[in-house]
Amino acid sequence: MKPIRFTKHALSQCIERGTNELEVTEAILNGNRKPAKKGRFEYRYDFQFNGEWQGRSYAIKRVSPIIADSETEIVVITVYTFYF
């Protein structure tokens, strides 16, 4: 497994969108991968959430990191989360 490096932007998006490095790493290791813009890849992984986010209750949290994959490392460019 290649090392996973987070950009500063990705780390700030984790905080802003309610996820963390562990969940993003799990999404990369276990999620569904699909092509994204500029030769990058998006992973999607659903976590059982059963919690509150911004005043509303949700059962599922989807963590979707966008990564650049090189020969030596995986770089997390940004992270999206979706609650439903």
N, C-alpha and C. Protein backbone atom coordinates (compact mmCIF):
# COMPACT_ATOMS: atom_id res chain seq x y z
N MET A 1 0.84 -1.19 0.00
CA MET A 1 0.00 0.00 0.00
C MET A 1 0.88 1.25 0.00
N LYS A 2 0.58 2.15 -0.89
CA LYS A 2 1.31 3.42 -0.97
C LYS A 2 0.90 4.32 0.20
N PRO A 3 1.81 5.17 0.64
CA PRO A 3 1.43 6.13 1.69
C PRO A 3 0.37 7.10 1.18
N ILE A 4 -0.47 7.55 2.10
CA ILE A 4 -1.53 8.52 1.79
C ILE A 4 -1.13 9.85 2.41
N ARG A 5 -1.06 10.89 1.56
CA ARG A 5 -0.71 12.23 2.02
C ARG A 5 -1.90 13.15 1.82
N PHE A 6 -2.19 13.95 2.82
CA PHE A 6 -3.31 14.90 2.77
C PHE A 6 -2.78 16.30 2.49
N THR A 7 -3.37 16.99 1.53
CA THR A 7 -3.04 18.40 1.33
C THR A 7 -3.65 19.21 2.48
N LYS A 8 -3.17 20.43 2.67
CA LYS A 8 -3.75 21.30 3.69
C LYS A 8 -5.23 21.55 3.40
N HIS A 9 -5.54 21.71 2.12
CA HIS A 9 -6.94 21.93 1.73
C HIS A 9 -7.80 20.73 2.14
N ALA A 10 -7.33 19.53 1.87
CA ALA A 10 -8.09 18.33 2.22
C ALA A 10 -8.32 18.24 3.72
N LEU A 11 -7.31 18.54 4.52
CA LEU A 11 -7.45 18.50 5.97
C LEU A 11 -8.47 19.53 6.46
N SER A 12 -8.46 20.72 5.88
CA SER A 12 -9.44 21.73 6.30
C SER A 12 -10.85 21.33 5.87
N GLN A 13 -10.97 20.68 4.71
CA GLN A 13 -12.29 20.22 4.26
C GLN A 13 -12.82 19.09 5.14
N CYS A 14 -11.94 18.26 5.65
CA CYS A 14 -12.38 17.22 6.59
C CYS A 14 -13.07 17.85 7.80
N ILE A 15 -12.44 18.85 8.37
CA ILE A 15 -13.01 19.52 9.55
C ILE A 15 -14.32 20.20 9.19
N GLU A 16 -14.32 20.93 8.10
CA GLU A 16 -15.50 21.69 7.69
C GLU A 16 -16.68 20.78 7.35
N ARG A 17 -16.39 19.59 6.84
CA ARG A 17 -17.46 18.72 6.35
C ARG A 17 -17.75 17.52 7.25
N GLY A 18 -17.13 17.49 8.42
CA GLY A 18 -17.52 16.51 9.43
C GLY A 18 -16.92 15.12 9.28
N THR A 19 -15.71 15.03 8.80
CA THR A 19 -15.05 13.73 8.71
C THR A 19 -13.62 13.87 9.24
N ASN A 20 -12.82 12.83 9.09
CA ASN A 20 -11.45 12.87 9.61
C ASN A 20 -10.55 11.99 8.75
N GLU A 21 -9.26 12.01 9.04
CA GLU A 21 -8.28 11.27 8.25
C GLU A 21 -8.53 9.76 8.28
N LEU A 22 -8.98 9.23 9.41
CA LEU A 22 -9.25 7.79 9.50
C LEU A 22 -10.38 7.36 8.57
N GLU A 23 -11.46 8.14 8.55
CA GLU A 23 -12.58 7.81 7.67
C GLU A 23 -12.19 7.95 6.20
N VAL A 24 -11.41 8.98 5.88
CA VAL A 24 -10.97 9.16 4.50
C VAL A 24 -10.08 7.99 4.08
N THR A 25 -9.19 7.59 4.94
CA THR A 25 -8.32 6.45 4.64
C THR A 25 -9.14 5.18 4.43
N GLU A 26 -10.14 4.96 5.28
CA GLU A 26 -11.01 3.79 5.11
C GLU A 26 -11.77 3.86 3.79
N ALA A 27 -12.21 5.06 3.42
CA ALA A 27 -12.91 5.22 2.14
C ALA A 27 -11.99 4.86 0.97
N ILE A 28 -10.73 5.24 1.06
CA ILE A 28 -9.78 4.92 -0.01
C ILE A 28 -9.50 3.42 -0.05
N LEU A 29 -9.36 2.81 1.10
CA LEU A 29 -9.04 1.38 1.15
C LEU A 29 -10.22 0.49 0.78
N ASN A 30 -11.43 0.91 1.13
CA ASN A 30 -12.59 0.02 0.98
C ASN A 30 -13.70 0.54 0.08
N GLY A 31 -13.59 1.78 -0.39
CA GLY A 31 -14.67 2.37 -1.16
C GLY A 31 -14.63 2.02 -2.63
N ASN A 32 -15.67 2.45 -3.32
CA ASN A 32 -15.77 2.29 -4.77
C ASN A 32 -15.01 3.42 -5.43
N ARG A 33 -14.17 3.08 -6.40
CA ARG A 33 -13.33 4.06 -7.10
C ARG A 33 -13.91 4.32 -8.48
N LYS A 34 -13.93 5.61 -8.85
CA LYS A 34 -14.36 5.97 -10.19
C LYS A 34 -13.52 7.15 -10.69
N PRO A 35 -13.38 7.29 -11.99
CA PRO A 35 -12.59 8.40 -12.54
C PRO A 35 -13.23 9.75 -12.21
N ALA A 36 -12.38 10.74 -12.01
CA ALA A 36 -12.81 12.11 -11.79
C ALA A 36 -12.08 13.01 -12.78
N LYS A 37 -12.29 14.30 -12.68
CA LYS A 37 -11.65 15.25 -13.60
C LYS A 37 -10.14 15.28 -13.42
N LYS A 38 -9.45 15.70 -14.46
CA LYS A 38 -8.00 15.94 -14.46
C LYS A 38 -7.18 14.69 -14.12
N GLY A 39 -7.68 13.51 -14.48
CA GLY A 39 -6.95 12.29 -14.24
C GLY A 39 -6.95 11.82 -12.80
N ARG A 40 -7.79 12.40 -12.00
CA ARG A 40 -7.90 12.03 -10.59
C ARG A 40 -8.96 10.95 -10.41
N PHE A 41 -9.11 10.51 -9.17
CA PHE A 41 -10.09 9.49 -8.84
C PHE A 41 -10.91 9.92 -7.63
N GLU A 42 -12.17 9.49 -7.63
CA GLU A 42 -13.06 9.71 -6.49
C GLU A 42 -13.38 8.36 -5.88
N TYR A 43 -13.33 8.31 -4.57
CA TYR A 43 -13.78 7.13 -3.83
C TYR A 43 -15.07 7.48 -3.12
N ARG A 44 -15.92 6.49 -2.96
CA ARG A 44 -17.18 6.67 -2.22
C ARG A 44 -17.33 5.53 -1.23
N TYR A 45 -17.55 5.91 0.02
CA TYR A 45 -17.74 4.90 1.05
C TYR A 45 -18.78 5.40 2.04
N ASP A 46 -19.78 4.56 2.34
CA ASP A 46 -20.86 4.92 3.25
C ASP A 46 -20.60 4.38 4.64
N PHE A 47 -20.69 5.25 5.63
CA PHE A 47 -20.55 4.89 7.03
C PHE A 47 -21.91 4.94 7.70
N GLN A 48 -22.16 4.02 8.61
CA GLN A 48 -23.34 4.10 9.45
C GLN A 48 -23.12 5.30 10.37
N PHE A 49 -24.00 6.27 10.35
CA PHE A 49 -23.79 7.51 11.09
C PHE A 49 -24.73 7.62 12.29
N ASN A 50 -26.03 7.54 12.03
CA ASN A 50 -27.04 7.62 13.08
C ASN A 50 -26.74 8.75 14.06
N GLY A 51 -26.53 9.93 13.52
CA GLY A 51 -26.20 11.07 14.34
C GLY A 51 -26.75 12.35 13.77
N GLU A 52 -26.32 13.44 14.39
CA GLU A 52 -26.80 14.75 13.98
C GLU A 52 -25.68 15.53 13.32
N TRP A 53 -26.01 16.19 12.23
CA TRP A 53 -25.07 17.07 11.55
C TRP A 53 -25.80 18.36 11.20
N GLN A 54 -25.30 19.47 11.69
CA GLN A 54 -25.88 20.79 11.46
C GLN A 54 -27.38 20.84 11.77
N GLY A 55 -27.72 20.26 12.92
CA GLY A 55 -29.08 20.34 13.43
C GLY A 55 -30.08 19.36 12.85
N ARG A 56 -29.62 18.43 12.00
CA ARG A 56 -30.53 17.44 11.42
C ARG A 56 -29.98 16.04 11.66
N SER A 57 -30.87 15.08 11.76
CA SER A 57 -30.48 13.70 12.01
C SER A 57 -30.31 12.95 10.70
N TYR A 58 -29.25 12.13 10.63
CA TYR A 58 -28.96 11.35 9.44
C TYR A 58 -28.53 9.94 9.85
N ALA A 59 -28.88 8.97 9.01
CA ALA A 59 -28.50 7.58 9.26
C ALA A 59 -27.15 7.24 8.62
N ILE A 60 -26.87 7.83 7.48
CA ILE A 60 -25.68 7.46 6.70
C ILE A 60 -24.84 8.71 6.42
N LYS A 61 -23.52 8.52 6.45
CA LYS A 61 -22.58 9.56 6.03
C LYS A 61 -21.71 8.96 4.94
N ARG A 62 -21.71 9.59 3.75
CA ARG A 62 -20.86 9.16 2.64
C ARG A 62 -19.62 10.04 2.61
N VAL A 63 -18.46 9.42 2.66
CA VAL A 63 -17.20 10.13 2.58
C VAL A 63 -16.64 9.89 1.18
N SER A 64 -16.32 10.99 0.48
CA SER A 64 -15.87 10.92 -0.92
C SER A 64 -14.60 11.74 -1.12
N PRO A 65 -13.44 11.12 -0.89
CA PRO A 65 -12.20 11.84 -1.18
C PRO A 65 -11.89 11.85 -2.67
N ILE A 66 -11.28 12.93 -3.12
CA ILE A 66 -10.75 13.04 -4.48
C ILE A 66 -9.24 12.93 -4.36
N ILE A 67 -8.65 11.99 -5.10
CA ILE A 67 -7.22 11.73 -4.94
C ILE A 67 -6.48 11.82 -6.27
N ALA A 68 -5.19 12.09 -6.16
CA ALA A 68 -4.26 11.98 -7.28
C ALA A 68 -3.38 10.78 -6.96
N ASP A 69 -3.31 9.84 -7.87
CA ASP A 69 -2.57 8.59 -7.65
C ASP A 69 -1.26 8.63 -8.44
N SER A 70 -0.14 8.60 -7.74
CA SER A 70 1.15 8.57 -8.41
C SER A 70 1.82 7.22 -8.14
N GLU A 71 2.99 7.03 -8.68
CA GLU A 71 3.71 5.76 -8.48
C GLU A 71 4.15 5.58 -7.03
N THR A 72 4.35 6.68 -6.31
CA THR A 72 4.92 6.59 -4.98
C THR A 72 3.95 6.89 -3.84
N GLU A 73 2.84 7.61 -4.13
CA GLU A 73 1.92 7.97 -3.05
C GLU A 73 0.53 8.28 -3.58
N ILE A 74 -0.41 8.32 -2.66
CA ILE A 74 -1.77 8.76 -2.93
C ILE A 74 -1.92 10.12 -2.26
N VAL A 75 -2.30 11.13 -3.03
CA VAL A 75 -2.46 12.48 -2.48
C VAL A 75 -3.94 12.81 -2.44
N VAL A 76 -4.45 13.08 -1.24
CA VAL A 76 -5.85 13.47 -1.08
C VAL A 76 -5.93 14.97 -1.38
N ILE A 77 -6.66 15.31 -2.44
CA ILE A 77 -6.78 16.68 -2.91
C ILE A 77 -7.88 17.43 -2.16
N THR A 78 -9.05 16.80 -2.05
CA THR A 78 -10.17 17.38 -1.32
C THR A 78 -11.06 16.25 -0.84
N VAL A 79 -12.00 16.58 0.02
CA VAL A 79 -12.90 15.58 0.60
C VAL A 79 -14.31 16.15 0.62
N TYR A 80 -15.27 15.36 0.15
CA TYR A 80 -16.69 15.70 0.22
C TYR A 80 -17.37 14.74 1.17
N THR A 81 -18.39 15.22 1.87
CA THR A 81 -19.24 14.33 2.66
C THR A 81 -20.69 14.62 2.31
N PHE A 82 -21.47 13.58 2.34
CA PHE A 82 -22.90 13.67 2.06
C PHE A 82 -23.63 12.94 3.16
N TYR A 83 -24.67 13.55 3.66
CA TYR A 83 -25.45 12.96 4.75
C TYR A 83 -26.83 12.64 4.24
N PHE A 84 -27.32 11.44 4.54
CA PHE A 84 -28.69 11.07 4.17
C PHE A 84 -29.18 9.96 5.06
